[in-house]
Amino acid sequence: MAGKRPSDTPQQSREERLKAALKANLARRKAQSRARQAGQEDRAAGKAPGGQQEKD
């Protein structure tokens, strides 16, 4: 089979997929957390979600 390493077992490839999925999930969660934090800081400074000043 082309492209497969002889040392790859189904368990190893599964672990690699899980590791990659976990890494992607963590990166996505960090980005969401950063976006939420930035949104909270904007609201505290009186800015609307679009970055414009809120009108009273």
N, C-alpha and C. Protein backbone atom coordinates (compact mmCIF):
# COMPACT_ATOMS: atom_id res chain seq x y z
N MET A 1 0.83 -1.17 0.00
CA MET A 1 0.00 0.00 0.00
C MET A 1 0.88 1.24 0.00
N ALA A 2 0.65 2.11 -0.91
CA ALA A 2 1.46 3.31 -1.03
C ALA A 2 1.08 4.32 0.04
N GLY A 3 2.09 4.98 0.59
CA GLY A 3 1.83 6.03 1.56
C GLY A 3 1.76 5.56 3.00
N LYS A 4 1.70 4.27 3.23
CA LYS A 4 1.66 3.76 4.61
C LYS A 4 3.05 3.37 5.04
N ARG A 5 3.37 3.75 6.26
CA ARG A 5 4.64 3.31 6.83
C ARG A 5 4.45 1.92 7.40
N PRO A 6 5.44 1.08 7.26
CA PRO A 6 5.29 -0.29 7.76
C PRO A 6 5.13 -0.35 9.28
N SER A 7 5.63 0.65 10.01
CA SER A 7 5.54 0.62 11.46
C SER A 7 4.19 1.14 11.98
N ASP A 8 3.35 1.70 11.10
CA ASP A 8 2.05 2.20 11.52
C ASP A 8 1.09 1.05 11.81
N THR A 9 0.58 1.05 13.00
CA THR A 9 -0.46 0.10 13.35
C THR A 9 -1.76 0.87 13.46
N PRO A 10 -2.88 0.19 13.42
CA PRO A 10 -4.15 0.90 13.56
C PRO A 10 -4.23 1.70 14.86
N GLN A 11 -3.64 1.18 15.93
CA GLN A 11 -3.65 1.89 17.21
C GLN A 11 -2.85 3.19 17.12
N GLN A 12 -1.68 3.14 16.46
CA GLN A 12 -0.86 4.33 16.34
C GLN A 12 -1.56 5.39 15.49
N SER A 13 -2.16 4.99 14.38
CA SER A 13 -2.83 5.97 13.53
C SER A 13 -4.04 6.57 14.25
N ARG A 14 -4.72 5.77 15.04
CA ARG A 14 -5.85 6.28 15.82
C ARG A 14 -5.36 7.30 16.83
N GLU A 15 -4.27 6.98 17.51
CA GLU A 15 -3.71 7.91 18.50
C GLU A 15 -3.26 9.21 17.85
N GLU A 16 -2.68 9.12 16.65
CA GLU A 16 -2.27 10.32 15.93
C GLU A 16 -3.47 11.17 15.55
N ARG A 17 -4.55 10.53 15.08
CA ARG A 17 -5.78 11.28 14.74
C ARG A 17 -6.36 11.94 15.98
N LEU A 18 -6.41 11.21 17.09
CA LEU A 18 -6.95 11.78 18.32
C LEU A 18 -6.09 12.93 18.81
N LYS A 19 -4.79 12.79 18.70
CA LYS A 19 -3.88 13.85 19.12
C LYS A 19 -4.10 15.11 18.28
N ALA A 20 -4.25 14.94 16.97
CA ALA A 20 -4.48 16.08 16.08
C ALA A 20 -5.84 16.72 16.37
N ALA A 21 -6.86 15.91 16.62
CA ALA A 21 -8.18 16.45 16.93
C ALA A 21 -8.16 17.21 18.26
N LEU A 22 -7.47 16.69 19.23
CA LEU A 22 -7.37 17.36 20.53
C LEU A 22 -6.65 18.70 20.40
N LYS A 23 -5.58 18.71 19.61
CA LYS A 23 -4.82 19.94 19.40
C LYS A 23 -5.68 20.99 18.70
N ALA A 24 -6.44 20.58 17.69
CA ALA A 24 -7.32 21.51 16.97
C ALA A 24 -8.42 22.04 17.89
N ASN A 25 -8.98 21.15 18.71
CA ASN A 25 -10.03 21.55 19.64
C ASN A 25 -9.49 22.56 20.65
N LEU A 26 -8.32 22.32 21.18
CA LEU A 26 -7.72 23.23 22.14
C LEU A 26 -7.47 24.60 21.51
N ALA A 27 -6.96 24.61 20.29
CA ALA A 27 -6.71 25.87 19.59
C ALA A 27 -8.01 26.63 19.37
N ARG A 28 -9.07 25.91 19.00
CA ARG A 28 -10.37 26.55 18.78
C ARG A 28 -10.92 27.13 20.09
N ARG A 29 -10.79 26.38 21.18
CA ARG A 29 -11.27 26.85 22.47
C ARG A 29 -10.49 28.07 22.96
N LYS A 30 -9.18 28.09 22.71
CA LYS A 30 -8.37 29.24 23.08
C LYS A 30 -8.79 30.47 22.28
N ALA A 31 -9.04 30.29 20.99
CA ALA A 31 -9.47 31.41 20.16
C ALA A 31 -10.83 31.94 20.63
N GLN A 32 -11.75 31.05 20.99
CA GLN A 32 -13.05 31.48 21.50
C GLN A 32 -12.88 32.24 22.80
N SER A 33 -12.02 31.76 23.65
CA SER A 33 -11.78 32.42 24.93
C SER A 33 -11.21 33.82 24.72
N ARG A 34 -10.25 33.94 23.80
CA ARG A 34 -9.67 35.24 23.50
C ARG A 34 -10.72 36.19 22.94
N ALA A 35 -11.60 35.69 22.07
CA ALA A 35 -12.64 36.52 21.49
C ALA A 35 -13.63 36.98 22.56
N ARG A 36 -13.99 36.08 23.46
CA ARG A 36 -14.89 36.47 24.55
C ARG A 36 -14.24 37.52 25.44
N GLN A 37 -12.98 37.32 25.75
CA GLN A 37 -12.26 38.28 26.61
C GLN A 37 -12.21 39.64 25.93
N ALA A 38 -11.93 39.68 24.65
CA ALA A 38 -11.87 40.94 23.91
C ALA A 38 -13.25 41.60 23.90
N GLY A 39 -14.29 40.81 23.76
CA GLY A 39 -15.65 41.34 23.78
C GLY A 39 -16.01 41.94 25.12
N GLN A 40 -15.58 41.30 26.20
CA GLN A 40 -15.85 41.83 27.53
C GLN A 40 -15.09 43.13 27.75
N GLU A 41 -13.87 43.21 27.25
CA GLU A 41 -13.09 44.43 27.39
C GLU A 41 -13.73 45.56 26.60
N ASP A 42 -14.25 45.24 25.40
CA ASP A 42 -14.92 46.25 24.58
C ASP A 42 -16.16 46.79 25.30
N ARG A 43 -16.94 45.89 25.88
CA ARG A 43 -18.15 46.33 26.58
C ARG A 43 -17.79 47.20 27.79
N ALA A 44 -16.74 46.84 28.48
CA ALA A 44 -16.30 47.62 29.64
C ALA A 44 -15.84 49.01 29.22
N ALA A 45 -15.30 49.13 28.00
CA ALA A 45 -14.84 50.41 27.49
C ALA A 45 -15.96 51.18 26.79
N GLY A 46 -17.17 50.61 26.74
CA GLY A 46 -18.30 51.29 26.12
C GLY A 46 -18.39 51.14 24.62
N LYS A 47 -17.78 50.08 24.09
CA LYS A 47 -17.83 49.85 22.64
C LYS A 47 -18.85 48.78 22.30
N ALA A 48 -19.49 48.94 21.15
CA ALA A 48 -20.43 47.94 20.64
C ALA A 48 -19.62 46.77 20.08
N PRO A 49 -20.25 45.60 19.85
CA PRO A 49 -19.53 44.45 19.32
C PRO A 49 -18.80 44.72 18.01
N GLY A 50 -19.28 45.64 17.20
CA GLY A 50 -18.63 45.95 15.93
C GLY A 50 -17.44 46.87 16.09
N GLY A 51 -17.13 47.27 17.32
CA GLY A 51 -16.00 48.15 17.54
C GLY A 51 -16.38 49.62 17.57
N GLN A 52 -17.67 49.93 17.40
CA GLN A 52 -18.12 51.32 17.43
C GLN A 52 -18.59 51.67 18.82
N GLN A 53 -18.61 52.93 19.13
CA GLN A 53 -19.09 53.39 20.43
C GLN A 53 -20.58 53.12 20.57
N GLU A 54 -21.00 52.66 21.77
CA GLU A 54 -22.41 52.44 22.02
C GLU A 54 -23.11 53.78 22.21
N LYS A 55 -24.35 53.83 21.73
CA LYS A 55 -25.14 55.05 21.90
C LYS A 55 -26.04 54.90 23.10
N ASP A 56 -26.13 55.96 23.89
CA ASP A 56 -26.98 55.92 25.09
C ASP A 56 -28.40 56.26 24.78
